[in-house]
């Protein structure tokens, strides 16, 4: 497990950050304009993403995700969000001119 340190890559188009666990997925919020690629299915039914308010969406209203997210045919499972917001709720709060491809999100509870 990479645990928020990514499984490789440097965030460029030729060498995207590799996401292999929930903590890597969460770390995307630190660099919203980079390139990312899932290398494993991600289960968010793990602490702290399955407790209290659950998952905090990536990319805030004022600072959206603008990068590239390649799901690589993988899926994100058990997305749980339990909060009230005046903006949007989901895996991402806001994206702008970003690319999302080849991703499944299943078992969503918002």
PDB file of N, CA and C in Angstrom:
ATOM      1  N   UNK A   1       0.824  -1.198   0.000  1.00  0.00           N
ATOM      2  CA  UNK A   1       0.000   0.000   0.000  1.00  0.00           C
ATOM      3  C   UNK A   1       0.857   1.246   0.000  1.00  0.00           C
ATOM      4  N   UNK A   2       0.443   2.206  -0.790  1.00  0.00           N
ATOM      5  CA  UNK A   2       1.193   3.455  -0.881  1.00  0.00           C
ATOM      6  C   UNK A   2       0.833   4.419   0.246  1.00  0.00           C
ATOM      7  N   UNK A   3      -0.376   4.334   0.779  1.00  0.00           N
ATOM      8  CA  UNK A   3      -0.803   5.143   1.924  1.00  0.00           C
ATOM      9  C   UNK A   3      -0.600   6.636   1.752  1.00  0.00           C
ATOM     10  N   UNK A   4      -1.066   7.176   0.631  1.00  0.00           N
ATOM     11  CA  UNK A   4      -0.995   8.609   0.411  1.00  0.00           C
ATOM     12  C   UNK A   4       0.292   9.081  -0.204  1.00  0.00           C
ATOM     13  N   UNK A   5       1.202   8.172  -0.494  1.00  0.00           N
ATOM     14  CA  UNK A   5       2.481   8.547  -1.090  1.00  0.00           C
ATOM     15  C   UNK A   5       2.548   8.175  -2.565  1.00  0.00           C
ATOM     16  N   UNK A   6       1.467   7.632  -3.108  1.00  0.00           N
ATOM     17  CA  UNK A   6       1.351   7.150  -4.476  1.00  0.00           C
ATOM     18  C   UNK A   6       2.274   5.945  -4.708  1.00  0.00           C
ATOM     19  N   UNK A   7       1.881   5.141  -5.667  1.00  0.00           N
ATOM     20  CA  UNK A   7       2.621   3.916  -5.970  1.00  0.00           C
ATOM     21  C   UNK A   7       3.663   4.151  -7.053  1.00  0.00           C
ATOM     22  N   UNK A   8       3.832   5.392  -7.445  1.00  0.00           N
ATOM     23  CA  UNK A   8       4.795   5.753  -8.471  1.00  0.00           C
ATOM     24  C   UNK A   8       4.309   6.972  -9.222  1.00  0.00           C
ATOM     25  N   UNK A   9       5.117   7.405 -10.163  1.00  0.00           N
ATOM     26  CA  UNK A   9       4.778   8.533 -11.007  1.00  0.00           C
ATOM     27  C   UNK A   9       5.190   9.871 -10.435  1.00  0.00           C
ATOM     28  N   UNK A  10       5.135  10.868 -11.318  1.00  0.00           N
ATOM     29  CA  UNK A  10       5.485  12.228 -10.884  1.00  0.00           C
ATOM     30  C   UNK A  10       4.401  13.242 -11.262  1.00  0.00           C
ATOM     31  N   UNK A  11       3.232  12.750 -11.705  1.00  0.00           N
ATOM     32  CA  UNK A  11       2.108  13.631 -11.981  1.00  0.00           C
ATOM     33  C   UNK A  11       2.095  14.261 -13.357  1.00  0.00           C
ATOM     34  N   UNK A  12       3.037  13.872 -14.215  1.00  0.00           N
ATOM     35  CA  UNK A  12       3.093  14.408 -15.574  1.00  0.00           C
ATOM     36  C   UNK A  12       2.264  13.529 -16.518  1.00  0.00           C
ATOM     37  N   UNK A  13       1.968  14.021 -17.726  1.00  0.00           N
ATOM     38  CA  UNK A  13       1.214  13.201 -18.675  1.00  0.00           C
ATOM     39  C   UNK A  13       1.897  11.868 -18.993  1.00  0.00           C
ATOM     40  N   UNK A  14       3.210  11.869 -19.116  1.00  0.00           N
ATOM     41  CA  UNK A  14       3.938  10.644 -19.455  1.00  0.00           C
ATOM     42  C   UNK A  14       4.135   9.718 -18.259  1.00  0.00           C
ATOM     43  N   UNK A  15       3.992  10.243 -17.056  1.00  0.00           N
ATOM     44  CA  UNK A  15       4.269   9.464 -15.843  1.00  0.00           C
ATOM     45  C   UNK A  15       3.301   9.880 -14.730  1.00  0.00           C
ATOM     46  N   UNK A  16       1.995   9.554 -14.895  1.00  0.00           N
ATOM     47  CA  UNK A  16       1.000  10.004 -13.905  1.00  0.00           C
ATOM     48  C   UNK A  16       1.236   9.397 -12.528  1.00  0.00           C
ATOM     49  N   UNK A  17       0.754  10.093 -11.498  1.00  0.00           N
ATOM     50  CA  UNK A  17       0.770   9.511 -10.162  1.00  0.00           C
ATOM     51  C   UNK A  17      -0.092   8.256 -10.189  1.00  0.00           C
ATOM     52  N   UNK A  18       0.388   7.176  -9.591  1.00  0.00           N
ATOM     53  CA  UNK A  18      -0.332   5.902  -9.559  1.00  0.00           C
ATOM     54  C   UNK A  18      -1.060   5.762  -8.231  1.00  0.00           C
ATOM     55  N   UNK A  19      -2.359   5.516  -8.305  1.00  0.00           N
ATOM     56  CA  UNK A  19      -3.213   5.418  -7.116  1.00  0.00           C
ATOM     57  C   UNK A  19      -3.553   3.963  -6.877  1.00  0.00           C
ATOM     58  N   UNK A  20      -3.178   3.452  -5.682  1.00  0.00           N
ATOM     59  CA  UNK A  20      -3.469   2.050  -5.381  1.00  0.00           C
ATOM     60  C   UNK A  20      -4.283   1.851  -4.110  1.00  0.00           C
ATOM     61  N   UNK A  21      -4.600   2.926  -3.377  1.00  0.00           N
ATOM     62  CA  UNK A  21      -5.424   2.769  -2.176  1.00  0.00           C
ATOM     63  C   UNK A  21      -6.195   4.059  -1.890  1.00  0.00           C
ATOM     64  N   UNK A  22      -7.071   4.000  -0.902  1.00  0.00           N
ATOM     65  CA  UNK A  22      -7.926   5.141  -0.557  1.00  0.00           C
ATOM     66  C   UNK A  22      -7.110   6.359  -0.137  1.00  0.00           C
ATOM     67  N   UNK A  23      -5.990   6.139   0.509  1.00  0.00           N
ATOM     68  CA  UNK A  23      -5.168   7.264   0.965  1.00  0.00           C
ATOM     69  C   UNK A  23      -4.487   7.972  -0.202  1.00  0.00           C
ATOM     70  N   UNK A  24      -4.097   7.204  -1.223  1.00  0.00           N
ATOM     71  CA  UNK A  24      -3.565   7.824  -2.436  1.00  0.00           C
ATOM     72  C   UNK A  24      -4.640   8.671  -3.105  1.00  0.00           C
ATOM     73  N   UNK A  25      -5.852   8.116  -3.193  1.00  0.00           N
ATOM     74  CA  UNK A  25      -6.968   8.854  -3.793  1.00  0.00           C
ATOM     75  C   UNK A  25      -7.199  10.163  -3.055  1.00  0.00           C
ATOM     76  N   UNK A  26      -7.166  10.118  -1.737  1.00  0.00           N
ATOM     77  CA  UNK A  26      -7.341  11.314  -0.918  1.00  0.00           C
ATOM     78  C   UNK A  26      -6.221  12.327  -1.159  1.00  0.00           C
ATOM     79  N   UNK A  27      -5.023  11.864  -1.423  1.00  0.00           N
ATOM     80  CA  UNK A  27      -3.874  12.759  -1.625  1.00  0.00           C
ATOM     81  C   UNK A  27      -3.976  13.565  -2.917  1.00  0.00           C
ATOM     82  N   UNK A  28      -4.881  13.182  -3.824  1.00  0.00           N
ATOM     83  CA  UNK A  28      -5.067  13.941  -5.057  1.00  0.00           C
ATOM     84  C   UNK A  28      -5.414  15.392  -4.780  1.00  0.00           C
ATOM     85  N   UNK A  29      -6.077  15.653  -3.645  1.00  0.00           N
ATOM     86  CA  UNK A  29      -6.520  17.015  -3.334  1.00  0.00           C
ATOM     87  C   UNK A  29      -5.348  17.966  -3.101  1.00  0.00           C
ATOM     88  N   UNK A  30      -4.146  17.437  -2.946  1.00  0.00           N
ATOM     89  CA  UNK A  30      -2.979  18.281  -2.693  1.00  0.00           C
ATOM     90  C   UNK A  30      -2.377  18.864  -3.967  1.00  0.00           C
ATOM     91  N   UNK A  31      -2.670  18.251  -5.112  1.00  0.00           N
ATOM     92  CA  UNK A  31      -2.163  18.735  -6.401  1.00  0.00           C
ATOM     93  C   UNK A  31      -3.260  18.548  -7.437  1.00  0.00           C
ATOM     94  N   UNK A  32      -4.113  19.540  -7.561  1.00  0.00           N
ATOM     95  CA  UNK A  32      -5.336  19.426  -8.350  1.00  0.00           C
ATOM     96  C   UNK A  32      -5.130  19.530  -9.861  1.00  0.00           C
ATOM     97  N   UNK A  33      -3.928  19.851 -10.295  1.00  0.00           N
ATOM     98  CA  UNK A  33      -3.681  20.022 -11.727  1.00  0.00           C
ATOM     99  C   UNK A  33      -2.793  18.930 -12.318  1.00  0.00           C
ATOM    100  N   UNK A  34      -2.607  17.840 -11.615  1.00  0.00           N
ATOM    101  CA  UNK A  34      -1.708  16.770 -12.061  1.00  0.00           C
ATOM    102  C   UNK A  34      -2.466  15.648 -12.773  1.00  0.00           C
ATOM    103  N   UNK A  35      -1.711  14.687 -13.267  1.00  0.00           N
ATOM    104  CA  UNK A  35      -2.244  13.506 -13.940  1.00  0.00           C
ATOM    105  C   UNK A  35      -2.192  12.321 -12.979  1.00  0.00           C
ATOM    106  N   UNK A  36      -3.312  11.554 -12.935  1.00  0.00           N
ATOM    107  CA  UNK A  36      -3.451  10.430 -12.010  1.00  0.00           C
ATOM    108  C   UNK A  36      -3.987   9.213 -12.749  1.00  0.00           C
ATOM    109  N   UNK A  37      -3.619   8.031 -12.260  1.00  0.00           N
ATOM    110  CA  UNK A  37      -4.091   6.784 -12.859  1.00  0.00           C
ATOM    111  C   UNK A  37      -4.323   5.749 -11.758  1.00  0.00           C
ATOM    112  N   UNK A  38      -5.523   5.152 -11.758  1.00  0.00           N
ATOM    113  CA  UNK A  38      -5.799   4.064 -10.810  1.00  0.00           C
ATOM    114  C   UNK A  38      -5.082   2.809 -11.278  1.00  0.00           C
ATOM    115  N   UNK A  39      -4.448   2.106 -10.356  1.00  0.00           N
ATOM    116  CA  UNK A  39      -3.812   0.836 -10.700  1.00  0.00           C
ATOM    117  C   UNK A  39      -4.487  -0.337  -9.987  1.00  0.00           C
ATOM    118  N   UNK A  40      -5.414  -0.031  -9.077  1.00  0.00           N
ATOM    119  CA  UNK A  40      -6.189  -1.044  -8.364  1.00  0.00           C
ATOM    120  C   UNK A  40      -7.592  -0.499  -8.136  1.00  0.00           C
ATOM    121  N   UNK A  41      -8.564  -1.392  -7.942  1.00  0.00           N
ATOM    122  CA  UNK A  41      -9.874  -0.968  -7.471  1.00  0.00           C
ATOM    123  C   UNK A  41      -9.704  -0.394  -6.071  1.00  0.00           C
ATOM    124  N   UNK A  42     -10.456   0.653  -5.752  1.00  0.00           N
ATOM    125  CA  UNK A  42     -10.350   1.331  -4.464  1.00  0.00           C
ATOM    126  C   UNK A  42     -11.628   1.103  -3.666  1.00  0.00           C
ATOM    127  N   UNK A  43     -11.493   0.636  -2.428  1.00  0.00           N
ATOM    128  CA  UNK A  43     -12.632   0.471  -1.521  1.00  0.00           C
ATOM    129  C   UNK A  43     -12.543   1.562  -0.457  1.00  0.00           C
ATOM    130  N   UNK A  44     -13.537   2.465  -0.453  1.00  0.00           N
ATOM    131  CA  UNK A  44     -13.550   3.551   0.531  1.00  0.00           C
ATOM    132  C   UNK A  44     -14.229   3.147   1.837  1.00  0.00           C
ATOM    133  N   UNK A  45     -14.565   1.886   1.979  1.00  0.00           N
ATOM    134  CA  UNK A  45     -15.139   1.397   3.239  1.00  0.00           C
ATOM    135  C   UNK A  45     -14.003   1.117   4.219  1.00  0.00           C
ATOM    136  N   UNK A  46     -13.263   2.171   4.532  1.00  0.00           N
ATOM    137  CA  UNK A  46     -12.121   2.094   5.436  1.00  0.00           C
ATOM    138  C   UNK A  46     -12.012   3.417   6.200  1.00  0.00           C
ATOM    139  N   UNK A  47     -11.484   3.366   7.391  1.00  0.00           N
ATOM    140  CA  UNK A  47     -11.312   4.548   8.229  1.00  0.00           C
ATOM    141  C   UNK A  47     -10.310   5.490   7.577  1.00  0.00           C
ATOM    142  N   UNK A  48     -10.541   6.767   7.555  1.00  0.00           N
ATOM    143  CA  UNK A  48     -11.629   7.555   8.116  1.00  0.00           C
ATOM    144  C   UNK A  48     -12.756   7.833   7.126  1.00  0.00           C
ATOM    145  N   UNK A  49     -12.682   7.257   5.925  1.00  0.00           N
ATOM    146  CA  UNK A  49     -13.613   7.593   4.840  1.00  0.00           C
ATOM    147  C   UNK A  49     -15.000   6.969   5.006  1.00  0.00           C
ATOM    148  N   UNK A  50     -15.154   6.074   5.955  1.00  0.00           N
ATOM    149  CA  UNK A  50     -16.462   5.438   6.207  1.00  0.00           C
ATOM    150  C   UNK A  50     -17.038   5.830   7.563  1.00  0.00           C
ATOM    151  N   UNK A  51     -16.502   6.870   8.182  1.00  0.00           N
ATOM    152  CA  UNK A  51     -16.953   7.314   9.505  1.00  0.00           C
ATOM    153  C   UNK A  51     -17.438   8.766   9.439  1.00  0.00           C
ATOM    154  N   UNK A  52     -18.268   9.146  10.385  1.00  0.00           N
ATOM    155  CA  UNK A  52     -18.717  10.542  10.519  1.00  0.00           C
ATOM    156  C   UNK A  52     -19.267  11.097   9.230  1.00  0.00           C
ATOM    157  N   UNK A  53     -18.636  12.165   8.738  1.00  0.00           N
ATOM    158  CA  UNK A  53     -19.079  12.799   7.495  1.00  0.00           C
ATOM    159  C   UNK A  53     -18.598  12.056   6.257  1.00  0.00           C
ATOM    160  N   UNK A  54     -17.732  11.077   6.434  1.00  0.00           N
ATOM    161  CA  UNK A  54     -17.261  10.278   5.307  1.00  0.00           C
ATOM    162  C   UNK A  54     -16.273  11.011   4.428  1.00  0.00           C
ATOM    163  N   UNK A  55     -16.350  10.724   3.135  1.00  0.00           N
ATOM    164  CA  UNK A  55     -15.420  11.261   2.144  1.00  0.00           C
ATOM    165  C   UNK A  55     -15.603  12.770   1.979  1.00  0.00           C
ATOM    166  N   UNK A  56     -14.509  13.500   1.933  1.00  0.00           N
ATOM    167  CA  UNK A  56     -14.531  14.920   1.594  1.00  0.00           C
ATOM    168  C   UNK A  56     -14.239  15.036   0.104  1.00  0.00           C
ATOM    169  N   UNK A  57     -15.158  15.607  -0.664  1.00  0.00           N
ATOM    170  CA  UNK A  57     -14.963  15.691  -2.111  1.00  0.00           C
ATOM    171  C   UNK A  57     -13.661  16.403  -2.481  1.00  0.00           C
ATOM    172  N   UNK A  58     -13.071  15.967  -3.575  1.00  0.00           N
ATOM    173  CA  UNK A  58     -11.827  16.545  -4.091  1.00  0.00           C
ATOM    174  C   UNK A  58     -12.169  17.788  -4.915  1.00  0.00           C
ATOM    175  N   UNK A  59     -11.366  18.820  -4.788  1.00  0.00           N
ATOM    176  CA  UNK A  59     -11.562  20.032  -5.575  1.00  0.00           C
ATOM    177  C   UNK A  59     -12.682  20.879  -5.025  1.00  0.00           C
ATOM    178  N   UNK A  60     -12.343  21.911  -4.309  1.00  0.00           N
ATOM    179  CA  UNK A  60     -13.353  22.786  -3.730  1.00  0.00           C
ATOM    180  C   UNK A  60     -13.917  23.720  -4.784  1.00  0.00           C
ATOM    181  N   UNK A  61     -15.027  24.350  -4.445  1.00  0.00           N
ATOM    182  CA  UNK A  61     -15.691  25.258  -5.370  1.00  0.00           C
ATOM    183  C   UNK A  61     -14.728  26.326  -5.896  1.00  0.00           C
ATOM    184  N   UNK A  62     -13.899  26.877  -5.012  1.00  0.00           N
ATOM    185  CA  UNK A  62     -12.982  27.945  -5.424  1.00  0.00           C
ATOM    186  C   UNK A  62     -11.684  27.412  -6.034  1.00  0.00           C
ATOM    187  N   UNK A  63     -11.361  26.142  -5.823  1.00  0.00           N
ATOM    188  CA  UNK A  63     -10.151  25.542  -6.385  1.00  0.00           C
ATOM    189  C   UNK A  63     -10.503  24.161  -6.945  1.00  0.00           C
ATOM    190  N   UNK A  64     -11.055  24.120  -8.161  1.00  0.00           N
ATOM    191  CA  UNK A  64     -11.502  22.858  -8.743  1.00  0.00           C
ATOM    192  C   UNK A  64     -10.357  21.965  -9.193  1.00  0.00           C
ATOM    193  N   UNK A  65     -10.694  20.693  -9.395  1.00  0.00           N
ATOM    194  CA  UNK A  65      -9.753  19.749  -9.991  1.00  0.00           C
ATOM    195  C   UNK A  65      -9.644  20.087 -11.472  1.00  0.00           C
ATOM    196  N   UNK A  66      -8.420  20.270 -11.963  1.00  0.00           N
ATOM    197  CA  UNK A  66      -8.196  20.633 -13.356  1.00  0.00           C
ATOM    198  C   UNK A  66      -7.280  19.644 -14.081  1.00  0.00           C
ATOM    199  N   UNK A  67      -6.962  18.560 -13.431  1.00  0.00           N
ATOM    200  CA  UNK A  67      -6.024  17.597 -13.986  1.00  0.00           C
ATOM    201  C   UNK A  67      -6.669  16.520 -14.835  1.00  0.00           C
ATOM    202  N   UNK A  68      -5.997  15.378 -14.899  1.00  0.00           N
ATOM    203  CA  UNK A  68      -6.469  14.215 -15.642  1.00  0.00           C
ATOM    204  C   UNK A  68      -6.573  13.044 -14.679  1.00  0.00           C
ATOM    205  N   UNK A  69      -7.736  12.388 -14.686  1.00  0.00           N
ATOM    206  CA  UNK A  69      -7.959  11.229 -13.825  1.00  0.00           C
ATOM    207  C   UNK A  69      -8.336  10.049 -14.711  1.00  0.00           C
ATOM    208  N   UNK A  70      -7.413   9.118 -14.866  1.00  0.00           N
ATOM    209  CA  UNK A  70      -7.629   7.919 -15.674  1.00  0.00           C
ATOM    210  C   UNK A  70      -7.958   6.761 -14.737  1.00  0.00           C
ATOM    211  N   UNK A  71      -9.211   6.316 -14.788  1.00  0.00           N
ATOM    212  CA  UNK A  71      -9.632   5.202 -13.947  1.00  0.00           C
ATOM    213  C   UNK A  71      -9.053   3.879 -14.388  1.00  0.00           C
ATOM    214  N   UNK A  72      -8.500   3.824 -15.605  1.00  0.00           N
ATOM    215  CA  UNK A  72      -7.798   2.633 -16.072  1.00  0.00           C
ATOM    216  C   UNK A  72      -8.688   1.380 -16.021  1.00  0.00           C
ATOM    217  N   UNK A  73     -10.007   1.579 -16.155  1.00  0.00           N
ATOM    218  CA  UNK A  73     -10.935   0.459 -16.119  1.00  0.00           C
ATOM    219  C   UNK A  73     -11.225  -0.056 -14.719  1.00  0.00           C
ATOM    220  N   UNK A  74     -10.737   0.630 -13.711  1.00  0.00           N
ATOM    221  CA  UNK A  74     -10.936   0.239 -12.305  1.00  0.00           C
ATOM    222  C   UNK A  74     -12.160   0.949 -11.744  1.00  0.00           C
ATOM    223  N   UNK A  75     -12.498   0.629 -10.499  1.00  0.00           N
ATOM    224  CA  UNK A  75     -13.653   1.270  -9.875  1.00  0.00           C
ATOM    225  C   UNK A  75     -13.334   1.726  -8.457  1.00  0.00           C
ATOM    226  N   UNK A  76     -14.146   2.674  -8.011  1.00  0.00           N
ATOM    227  CA  UNK A  76     -14.114   3.154  -6.635  1.00  0.00           C
ATOM    228  C   UNK A  76     -15.423   2.696  -6.010  1.00  0.00           C
ATOM    229  N   UNK A  77     -15.329   1.976  -4.908  1.00  0.00           N
ATOM    230  CA  UNK A  77     -16.476   1.336  -4.271  1.00  0.00           C
ATOM    231  C   UNK A  77     -16.715   1.932  -2.882  1.00  0.00           C
ATOM    232  N   UNK A  78     -17.990   1.992  -2.484  1.00  0.00           N
ATOM    233  CA  UNK A  78     -18.391   2.393  -1.126  1.00  0.00           C
ATOM    234  C   UNK A  78     -18.091   3.855  -0.806  1.00  0.00           C
ATOM    235  N   UNK A  79     -18.399   4.745  -1.735  1.00  0.00           N
ATOM    236  CA  UNK A  79     -18.275   6.179  -1.486  1.00  0.00           C
ATOM    237  C   UNK A  79     -19.403   6.607  -0.556  1.00  0.00           C
ATOM    238  N   UNK A  80     -19.063   7.128   0.631  1.00  0.00           N
ATOM    239  CA  UNK A  80     -20.056   7.562   1.613  1.00  0.00           C
ATOM    240  C   UNK A  80     -19.786   9.010   1.986  1.00  0.00           C
ATOM    241  N   UNK A  81     -20.840   9.843   1.881  1.00  0.00           N
ATOM    242  CA  UNK A  81     -20.764  11.240   2.297  1.00  0.00           C
ATOM    243  C   UNK A  81     -21.992  11.528   3.138  1.00  0.00           C
ATOM    244  N   UNK A  82     -21.770  12.062   4.342  1.00  0.00           N
ATOM    245  CA  UNK A  82     -22.859  12.346   5.274  1.00  0.00           C
ATOM    246  C   UNK A  82     -22.699  13.768   5.810  1.00  0.00           C
ATOM    247  N   UNK A  83     -22.879  14.748   4.932  1.00  0.00           N
ATOM    248  CA  UNK A  83     -22.738  16.142   5.350  1.00  0.00           C
ATOM    249  C   UNK A  83     -23.644  17.022   4.499  1.00  0.00           C
ATOM    250  N   UNK A  84     -23.964  18.161   5.023  1.00  0.00           N
ATOM    251  CA  UNK A  84     -24.730  19.164   4.299  1.00  0.00           C
ATOM    252  C   UNK A  84     -23.730  20.165   3.724  1.00  0.00           C
ATOM    253  N   UNK A  85     -23.931  20.551   2.497  1.00  0.00           N
ATOM    254  CA  UNK A  85     -23.046  21.524   1.866  1.00  0.00           C
ATOM    255  C   UNK A  85     -23.871  22.434   0.966  1.00  0.00           C
ATOM    256  N   UNK A  86     -23.472  23.700   0.875  1.00  0.00           N
ATOM    257  CA  UNK A  86     -24.165  24.594  -0.044  1.00  0.00           C
ATOM    258  C   UNK A  86     -23.656  24.393  -1.470  1.00  0.00           C
ATOM    259  N   UNK A  87     -22.621  23.600  -1.625  1.00  0.00           N
ATOM    260  CA  UNK A  87     -22.087  23.306  -2.946  1.00  0.00           C
ATOM    261  C   UNK A  87     -22.427  21.865  -3.307  1.00  0.00           C
ATOM    262  N   UNK A  88     -21.548  21.170  -3.997  1.00  0.00           N
ATOM    263  CA  UNK A  88     -21.838  19.839  -4.511  1.00  0.00           C
ATOM    264  C   UNK A  88     -21.162  18.752  -3.691  1.00  0.00           C
ATOM    265  N   UNK A  89     -21.735  17.554  -3.760  1.00  0.00           N
ATOM    266  CA  UNK A  89     -21.188  16.398  -3.057  1.00  0.00           C
ATOM    267  C   UNK A  89     -20.943  15.281  -4.070  1.00  0.00           C
ATOM    268  N   UNK A  90     -19.878  14.555  -3.881  1.00  0.00           N
ATOM    269  CA  UNK A  90     -19.528  13.447  -4.759  1.00  0.00           C
ATOM    270  C   UNK A  90     -18.058  13.143  -4.584  1.00  0.00           C
ATOM    271  N   UNK A  91     -17.528  12.300  -5.420  1.00  0.00           N
ATOM    272  CA  UNK A  91     -16.103  12.010  -5.382  1.00  0.00           C
ATOM    273  C   UNK A  91     -15.321  13.320  -5.556  1.00  0.00           C
ATOM    274  N   UNK A  92     -15.806  14.163  -6.475  1.00  0.00           N
ATOM    275  CA  UNK A  92     -15.249  15.494  -6.694  1.00  0.00           C
ATOM    276  C   UNK A  92     -16.337  16.521  -6.391  1.00  0.00           C
ATOM    277  N   UNK A  93     -15.955  17.649  -5.785  1.00  0.00           N
ATOM    278  CA  UNK A  93     -16.917  18.726  -5.584  1.00  0.00           C
ATOM    279  C   UNK A  93     -17.037  19.544  -6.860  1.00  0.00           C
ATOM    280  N   UNK A  94     -15.883  19.889  -7.427  1.00  0.00           N
ATOM    281  CA  UNK A  94     -15.908  20.662  -8.656  1.00  0.00           C
ATOM    282  C   UNK A  94     -14.712  20.297  -9.517  1.00  0.00           C
ATOM    283  N   UNK A  95     -14.974  20.149 -10.811  1.00  0.00           N
ATOM    284  CA  UNK A  95     -13.905  19.970 -11.784  1.00  0.00           C
ATOM    285  C   UNK A  95     -14.055  21.067 -12.829  1.00  0.00           C
ATOM    286  N   UNK A  96     -12.945  21.460 -13.430  1.00  0.00           N
ATOM    287  CA  UNK A  96     -12.983  22.496 -14.450  1.00  0.00           C
ATOM    288  C   UNK A  96     -11.954  22.159 -15.518  1.00  0.00           C
ATOM    289  N   UNK A  97     -12.430  21.978 -16.740  1.00  0.00           N
ATOM    290  CA  UNK A  97     -11.562  21.640 -17.863  1.00  0.00           C
ATOM    291  C   UNK A  97     -10.645  20.471 -17.534  1.00  0.00           C
ATOM    292  N   UNK A  98     -11.153  19.528 -16.778  1.00  0.00           N
ATOM    293  CA  UNK A  98     -10.411  18.323 -16.406  1.00  0.00           C
ATOM    294  C   UNK A  98     -10.816  17.181 -17.330  1.00  0.00           C
ATOM    295  N   UNK A  99     -10.047  16.112 -17.299  1.00  0.00           N
ATOM    296  CA  UNK A  99     -10.367  14.912 -18.060  1.00  0.00           C
ATOM    297  C   UNK A  99     -10.589  13.768 -17.086  1.00  0.00           C
ATOM    298  N   UNK A 100     -11.735  13.098 -17.213  1.00  0.00           N
ATOM    299  CA  UNK A 100     -12.065  11.912 -16.432  1.00  0.00           C
ATOM    300  C   UNK A 100     -12.365  10.802 -17.441  1.00  0.00           C
ATOM    301  N   UNK A 101     -11.743   9.636 -17.247  1.00  0.00           N
ATOM    302  CA  UNK A 101     -12.013   8.556 -18.193  1.00  0.00           C
ATOM    303  C   UNK A 101     -11.833   7.182 -17.546  1.00  0.00           C
ATOM    304  N   UNK A 102     -12.565   6.226 -18.092  1.00  0.00           N
ATOM    305  CA  UNK A 102     -12.424   4.805 -17.758  1.00  0.00           C
ATOM    306  C   UNK A 102     -12.547   4.520 -16.267  1.00  0.00           C
ATOM    307  N   UNK A 103     -13.584   5.090 -15.623  1.00  0.00           N
ATOM    308  CA  UNK A 103     -13.750   4.946 -14.182  1.00  0.00           C
ATOM    309  C   UNK A 103     -15.169   4.523 -13.840  1.00  0.00           C
ATOM    310  N   UNK A 104     -15.284   3.595 -12.902  1.00  0.00           N
ATOM    311  CA  UNK A 104     -16.579   3.222 -12.351  1.00  0.00           C
ATOM    312  C   UNK A 104     -16.637   3.635 -10.888  1.00  0.00           C
ATOM    313  N   UNK A 105     -17.781   4.153 -10.463  1.00  0.00           N
ATOM    314  CA  UNK A 105     -18.014   4.469  -9.047  1.00  0.00           C
ATOM    315  C   UNK A 105     -19.284   3.722  -8.662  1.00  0.00           C
ATOM    316  N   UNK A 106     -19.166   2.803  -7.690  1.00  0.00           N
ATOM    317  CA  UNK A 106     -20.290   1.943  -7.320  1.00  0.00           C
ATOM    318  C   UNK A 106     -20.546   1.994  -5.817  1.00  0.00           C
ATOM    319  N   UNK A 107     -21.772   1.622  -5.439  1.00  0.00           N
ATOM    320  CA  UNK A 107     -22.184   1.612  -4.028  1.00  0.00           C
ATOM    321  C   UNK A 107     -22.005   2.967  -3.379  1.00  0.00           C
ATOM    322  N   UNK A 108     -22.720   3.957  -3.888  1.00  0.00           N
ATOM    323  CA  UNK A 108     -22.623   5.336  -3.417  1.00  0.00           C
ATOM    324  C   UNK A 108     -23.727   5.621  -2.414  1.00  0.00           C
ATOM    325  N   UNK A 109     -23.360   6.261  -1.283  1.00  0.00           N
ATOM    326  CA  UNK A 109     -24.330   6.653  -0.265  1.00  0.00           C
ATOM    327  C   UNK A 109     -24.067   8.107   0.120  1.00  0.00           C
ATOM    328  N   UNK A 110     -24.851   9.016  -0.476  1.00  0.00           N
ATOM    329  CA  UNK A 110     -24.692  10.453  -0.185  1.00  0.00           C
ATOM    330  C   UNK A 110     -25.983  10.962   0.423  1.00  0.00           C
TER     331      UNK A 110
END
